[in-house]
Amino acid sequence: MYYYIVNPAAGGGRINKIQERLKTLLKQKGIDGEFVKSTGRGEASKIAKVAVRQGATTIVAVGGDSTVSEVINGVVGTNKVVLGMLPIGVTNILARALGIADWTQGVNVLAQRRVKIIDLGKINDIFFATSLDIGFETEVLKDRQSSSLWKPVVFKKKVLDKILSYKPFSATIKFDSKFSIETNIFNLSVFNTRLSKGEGDFKNDGKLTAVLVSSQSKFSLLKNFSKIATANYEEIPFVSKFRAKKIFVEGGKVARDVFADAGYVGITPIEVSVSSKKLKVIVSKDRKFD
């Protein structure tokens, strides 16, 4: 039974333009099913839980990263459920990592039904699939999600303004209770399951990767503007990388916002870990896994 959870607001309401074509393609592939639209933040997770109780075995998130994240948190722990994705949001990080570039390709991937198991990260009681951010990127994410391909200049101007005005904050970061660092943070990204650079393979090794950008001069940040604007923090030359199963972050006297899978999940202090629970996902046949 295929159960499609649709975010009608994703991608600026794009589903309204493609819905009939999408349903036709799904029927042609023999994977049509029930369509249910969410009505607001957190609703997709509730719908997913209802679908599980009703016996759905394949639940498909139709939307962007936030939709996928909500559905994940609705199905996690249910070993019989497989998650599929039809990306139509502005940001579709997990879908792209699984080899799904757009919704039309997503239909073909669903029909091929190649299932793999991936790790999940955990923040308190919230699960995430790709990464979390604390610092500068949390300030940019709202603009990143609302930006469009037709307004890149406007978006880049907003990023530039934020770089010039943003103030790093002091924090303590502990790794596996083995060692800790105290530093002024510009941005901290913690990656869970992810693509390895240059290999094109999907890594499931039970560890998190912390990518830390400490406080830098405005000149150094501006020299790396293109990488910051595209959230390629790992490619910035002055980053530090750490590998751990568990990471604790305390953001000084002022609590800092935390985003995971591009959505707000809380404030510091936080403990991030690799969950013992896994997720079954439908992936592209071209994606290699360790």
Protein backbone atom coordinates (compact mmCIF):
# COMPACT_ATOMS: atom_id res chain seq x y z
CA MET A 1 0.00 0.00 0.00
CA TYR A 2 1.49 3.32 -1.09
CA TYR A 3 0.55 6.28 1.08
CA TYR A 4 1.54 9.76 -0.14
CA ILE A 5 1.85 12.58 2.40
CA VAL A 6 1.82 15.89 0.55
CA ASN A 7 2.92 19.29 1.80
CA PRO A 8 0.78 21.68 -0.33
CA ALA A 9 3.02 24.65 0.57
CA ALA A 10 6.31 23.02 -0.52
CA GLY A 11 8.14 24.70 -3.37
CA GLY A 12 5.73 27.61 -3.34
CA GLY A 13 2.70 25.35 -3.83
CA ARG A 14 4.23 23.46 -6.73
CA ILE A 15 2.12 20.36 -6.11
CA ASN A 16 -0.93 22.22 -7.39
CA LYS A 17 0.74 22.53 -10.80
CA ILE A 18 1.96 18.94 -11.10
CA GLN A 19 -0.57 16.91 -9.14
CA GLU A 20 -2.56 15.48 -12.06
CA ARG A 21 0.57 14.64 -14.04
CA LEU A 22 2.12 13.06 -10.94
CA LYS A 23 -0.91 10.88 -10.23
CA THR A 24 -0.99 9.76 -13.87
CA LEU A 25 2.67 8.73 -13.78
CA LEU A 26 2.24 6.87 -10.51
CA LYS A 27 -0.74 4.96 -11.91
CA GLN A 28 1.21 4.08 -15.06
CA LYS A 29 3.99 2.65 -12.86
CA GLY A 30 1.53 0.70 -10.75
CA ILE A 31 2.37 2.55 -7.54
CA ASP A 32 -0.59 4.88 -7.12
CA GLY A 33 -2.18 5.11 -3.71
CA GLU A 34 -3.82 7.39 -1.19
CA PHE A 35 -2.95 11.10 -1.22
CA VAL A 36 -3.24 13.05 2.04
CA LYS A 37 -2.28 16.72 2.37
CA SER A 38 -0.83 18.19 5.55
CA THR A 39 -2.30 21.39 6.92
CA GLY A 40 0.58 22.91 8.86
CA ARG A 41 3.84 22.39 10.71
CA GLY A 42 4.04 19.03 12.45
CA GLU A 43 0.98 17.66 10.66
CA ALA A 44 2.92 15.35 8.33
CA SER A 45 4.33 13.47 11.33
CA LYS A 46 0.84 12.92 12.75
CA ILE A 47 -0.46 11.75 9.38
CA ALA A 48 2.45 9.32 9.07
CA LYS A 49 1.62 7.78 12.46
CA VAL A 50 -1.99 7.30 11.39
CA ALA A 51 -0.85 5.69 8.13
CA VAL A 52 1.33 3.24 10.08
CA ARG A 53 -1.62 2.25 12.28
CA GLN A 54 -3.71 1.73 9.15
CA GLY A 55 -1.17 -0.70 7.78
CA ALA A 56 0.68 1.39 5.20
CA THR A 57 3.94 -0.28 4.22
CA THR A 58 5.32 2.41 1.91
CA ILE A 59 4.95 6.04 2.96
CA VAL A 60 6.11 8.69 0.51
CA ALA A 61 6.94 12.26 1.54
CA VAL A 62 5.97 14.70 -1.22
CA GLY A 63 7.66 17.99 -0.41
CA GLY A 64 11.01 19.34 0.76
CA ASP A 65 13.37 18.62 3.64
CA SER A 66 10.94 19.70 6.35
CA THR A 67 8.25 17.36 5.03
CA VAL A 68 10.69 14.45 4.85
CA SER A 69 11.89 15.20 8.39
CA GLU A 70 8.35 15.19 9.79
CA VAL A 71 7.49 11.93 8.08
CA ILE A 72 10.71 10.34 9.36
CA ASN A 73 9.74 11.27 12.91
CA GLY A 74 6.33 9.73 12.30
CA VAL A 75 7.58 6.35 11.07
CA VAL A 76 10.85 5.85 12.99
CA GLY A 77 10.86 2.63 14.96
CA THR A 78 8.35 0.92 12.67
CA ASN A 79 10.49 -1.69 10.94
CA LYS A 80 7.83 -2.69 8.41
CA VAL A 81 7.56 0.79 6.86
CA VAL A 82 9.69 1.94 3.93
CA LEU A 83 10.11 5.66 3.23
CA GLY A 84 10.02 7.10 -0.28
CA MET A 85 10.56 10.68 -1.45
CA LEU A 86 9.22 12.88 -4.23
CA PRO A 87 11.18 16.15 -3.87
CA ILE A 88 9.30 19.33 -4.73
CA GLY A 89 10.67 21.67 -2.06
CA VAL A 90 13.24 24.44 -2.31
CA THR A 91 15.73 22.32 -0.35
CA ASN A 92 15.80 18.55 -0.96
CA ILE A 93 19.06 17.48 0.64
CA LEU A 94 18.23 13.90 1.61
CA ALA A 95 16.49 13.15 -1.68
CA ARG A 96 19.53 14.34 -3.64
CA ALA A 97 21.85 12.33 -1.41
CA LEU A 98 19.81 9.22 -2.19
CA GLY A 99 20.11 9.90 -5.92
CA ILE A 100 16.73 11.56 -6.48
CA ALA A 101 17.25 14.82 -8.33
CA ASP A 102 13.59 15.76 -8.91
CA TRP A 103 10.07 14.41 -8.57
CA THR A 104 9.95 12.85 -12.04
CA GLN A 105 13.07 10.83 -11.31
CA GLY A 106 11.56 10.09 -7.91
CA VAL A 107 8.63 8.31 -9.56
CA ASN A 108 11.03 6.00 -11.40
CA VAL A 109 13.03 5.38 -8.22
CA LEU A 110 9.84 4.47 -6.34
CA ALA A 111 8.85 2.03 -9.08
CA GLN A 112 12.27 0.34 -9.02
CA ARG A 113 11.93 -0.03 -5.23
CA ARG A 114 15.54 -0.49 -4.23
CA VAL A 115 15.49 -0.42 -0.42
CA LYS A 116 18.44 0.42 1.80
CA ILE A 117 18.82 1.04 5.53
CA ILE A 118 20.42 4.28 6.72
CA ASP A 119 21.53 5.65 10.07
CA LEU A 120 19.58 8.33 11.89
CA GLY A 121 20.88 11.08 14.13
CA LYS A 122 19.04 12.02 17.31
CA ILE A 123 18.64 15.28 19.24
CA ASN A 124 16.73 14.65 22.46
CA ASP A 125 13.59 12.93 21.10
CA ILE A 126 13.89 14.24 17.55
CA PHE A 127 15.41 12.21 14.73
CA PHE A 128 17.18 13.61 11.68
CA ALA A 129 18.63 12.09 8.53
CA THR A 130 21.13 14.55 7.10
CA SER A 131 22.59 17.26 9.33
CA LEU A 132 22.06 19.84 12.04
CA ASP A 133 23.34 23.41 12.22
CA ILE A 134 24.12 25.88 14.99
CA GLY A 135 25.35 29.39 14.27
CA PHE A 136 25.46 31.36 11.06
CA GLU A 137 23.64 28.78 8.93
CA THR A 138 20.58 28.91 11.18
CA GLU A 139 20.37 32.63 10.38
CA VAL A 140 20.53 31.90 6.65
CA LEU A 141 18.23 28.89 6.47
CA LYS A 142 14.97 30.82 6.40
CA ASP A 143 16.22 32.87 3.46
CA ARG A 144 17.62 29.76 1.83
CA GLN A 145 14.26 28.00 2.02
CA SER A 146 12.31 30.96 0.67
CA SER A 147 14.77 31.88 -2.06
CA SER A 148 14.12 30.88 -5.66
CA LEU A 149 16.28 30.19 -8.67
CA TRP A 150 14.98 33.41 -10.18
CA LYS A 151 16.29 35.61 -7.34
CA PRO A 152 19.89 34.50 -6.66
CA VAL A 153 21.17 38.08 -6.47
CA VAL A 154 18.69 38.98 -3.72
CA PHE A 155 19.59 35.89 -1.71
CA LYS A 156 23.34 36.47 -2.03
CA LYS A 157 22.88 40.07 -0.91
CA LYS A 158 21.11 38.81 2.24
CA VAL A 159 23.94 36.36 2.95
CA LEU A 160 26.51 39.12 2.47
CA ASP A 161 24.66 41.41 4.89
CA LYS A 162 24.49 38.62 7.48
CA ILE A 163 28.22 37.88 7.19
CA LEU A 164 29.02 41.54 7.85
CA SER A 165 26.69 41.78 10.85
CA TYR A 166 26.89 38.30 12.39
CA LYS A 167 28.70 37.93 15.74
CA PRO A 168 30.24 34.55 16.62
CA PHE A 169 29.44 33.08 20.04
CA SER A 170 31.44 31.18 22.62
CA ALA A 171 30.62 27.51 23.11
CA THR A 172 31.89 24.29 24.61
CA ILE A 173 31.79 21.16 22.46
CA LYS A 174 32.38 17.68 23.91
CA PHE A 175 33.10 14.60 21.78
CA ASP A 176 32.27 11.12 23.14
CA SER A 177 33.16 12.34 26.65
CA LYS A 178 36.79 11.91 25.61
CA PHE A 179 37.79 15.50 24.92
CA SER A 180 36.24 18.95 24.63
CA ILE A 181 37.03 22.31 23.08
CA GLU A 182 36.05 25.85 23.92
CA THR A 183 35.91 28.25 21.00
CA ASN A 184 34.07 31.11 19.36
CA ILE A 185 31.80 29.60 16.73
CA PHE A 186 30.85 31.10 13.38
CA ASN A 187 29.05 27.92 12.35
CA LEU A 188 28.84 24.30 13.46
CA SER A 189 27.38 21.61 11.20
CA VAL A 190 27.00 18.02 12.36
CA PHE A 191 26.47 15.47 9.60
CA ASN A 192 24.84 12.09 10.06
CA THR A 193 24.45 9.75 7.10
CA ARG A 194 25.93 11.51 4.11
CA LEU A 195 27.68 11.36 0.79
CA SER A 196 31.44 11.08 1.00
CA LYS A 197 33.29 13.79 -0.89
CA GLY A 198 34.66 12.71 -4.24
CA GLU A 199 33.46 9.11 -4.01
CA GLY A 200 29.74 9.34 -4.62
CA ASP A 201 29.09 6.59 -2.07
CA PHE A 202 26.65 6.76 0.82
CA LYS A 203 28.28 6.34 4.23
CA ASN A 204 26.63 4.43 7.09
CA ASP A 205 29.36 4.04 9.71
CA GLY A 206 27.61 4.84 12.98
CA LYS A 207 29.48 8.12 13.54
CA LEU A 208 28.77 11.83 13.26
CA THR A 209 31.01 14.34 11.51
CA ALA A 210 31.27 17.79 13.09
CA VAL A 211 32.41 20.57 10.75
CA LEU A 212 33.44 23.58 12.82
CA VAL A 213 34.03 27.07 11.46
CA SER A 214 35.57 29.07 14.30
CA SER A 215 35.50 32.84 14.48
CA GLN A 216 37.32 34.40 11.51
CA SER A 217 38.00 37.86 10.20
CA LYS A 218 35.36 39.36 7.91
CA PHE A 219 37.99 39.36 5.16
CA SER A 220 38.53 35.60 5.46
CA LEU A 221 34.80 34.94 5.45
CA LEU A 222 34.22 37.13 2.42
CA LYS A 223 37.00 35.32 0.55
CA ASN A 224 34.94 32.17 1.01
CA PHE A 225 31.60 33.82 0.31
CA SER A 226 30.57 31.42 -2.47
CA LYS A 227 31.07 28.38 -0.22
CA ILE A 228 29.13 29.97 2.64
CA ALA A 229 26.28 31.03 0.33
CA THR A 230 25.92 27.43 -0.87
CA ALA A 231 26.37 25.93 2.62
CA ASN A 232 29.55 24.12 1.57
CA TYR A 233 31.20 24.72 4.93
CA GLU A 234 33.29 21.59 4.69
CA GLU A 235 35.13 23.06 1.70
CA ILE A 236 36.23 26.17 3.58
CA PRO A 237 40.02 25.89 4.16
CA PHE A 238 40.05 26.90 7.83
CA VAL A 239 37.43 24.43 9.13
CA SER A 240 38.08 21.75 11.74
CA LYS A 241 36.53 18.28 11.48
CA PHE A 242 35.78 15.84 14.27
CA ARG A 243 34.34 12.32 14.26
CA ALA A 244 32.29 10.99 17.16
CA LYS A 245 29.27 8.90 18.10
CA LYS A 246 28.01 11.52 20.53
CA ILE A 247 28.46 15.30 20.60
CA PHE A 248 27.39 17.73 23.33
CA VAL A 249 27.12 21.47 22.58
CA GLU A 250 26.64 24.16 25.18
CA GLY A 251 26.24 27.62 23.67
CA GLY A 252 27.46 29.84 26.48
CA LYS A 253 25.19 32.20 28.42
CA VAL A 254 22.74 32.74 25.54
CA ALA A 255 20.83 29.76 24.12
CA ARG A 256 21.34 29.29 20.38
CA ASP A 257 18.84 28.02 17.83
CA VAL A 258 19.38 24.52 16.45
CA PHE A 259 18.15 23.41 13.03
CA ALA A 260 18.13 19.80 11.79
CA ASP A 261 17.20 18.66 8.28
CA ALA A 262 16.77 22.39 7.56
CA GLY A 263 14.04 22.82 10.21
CA TYR A 264 14.02 24.35 13.71
CA VAL A 265 14.28 21.69 16.45
CA GLY A 266 15.21 23.61 19.61
CA ILE A 267 17.96 25.50 21.40
CA THR A 268 21.29 24.76 23.06
CA PRO A 269 22.46 22.99 25.12
CA ILE A 270 21.96 19.82 23.10
CA GLU A 271 23.30 16.28 22.92
CA VAL A 272 23.52 14.76 19.44
CA SER A 273 24.03 11.06 18.89
CA VAL A 274 23.67 8.29 16.35
CA SER A 275 20.38 6.54 17.09
CA SER A 276 20.09 2.79 17.49
CA LYS A 277 16.99 3.05 15.31
CA LYS A 278 17.43 2.83 11.54
CA LEU A 279 15.37 3.96 8.57
CA LYS A 280 14.40 1.97 5.47
CA VAL A 281 14.45 4.19 2.39
CA ILE A 282 13.91 3.77 -1.34
CA VAL A 283 17.05 4.88 -3.20
CA SER A 284 18.31 5.29 -6.73
CA LYS A 285 19.87 2.20 -8.31
CA ASP A 286 22.88 4.36 -9.17
CA ARG A 287 23.69 5.21 -5.55
CA LYS A 288 26.43 3.12 -3.94
CA PHE A 289 26.33 2.23 -0.26
CA ASP A 290 28.97 1.05 2.19
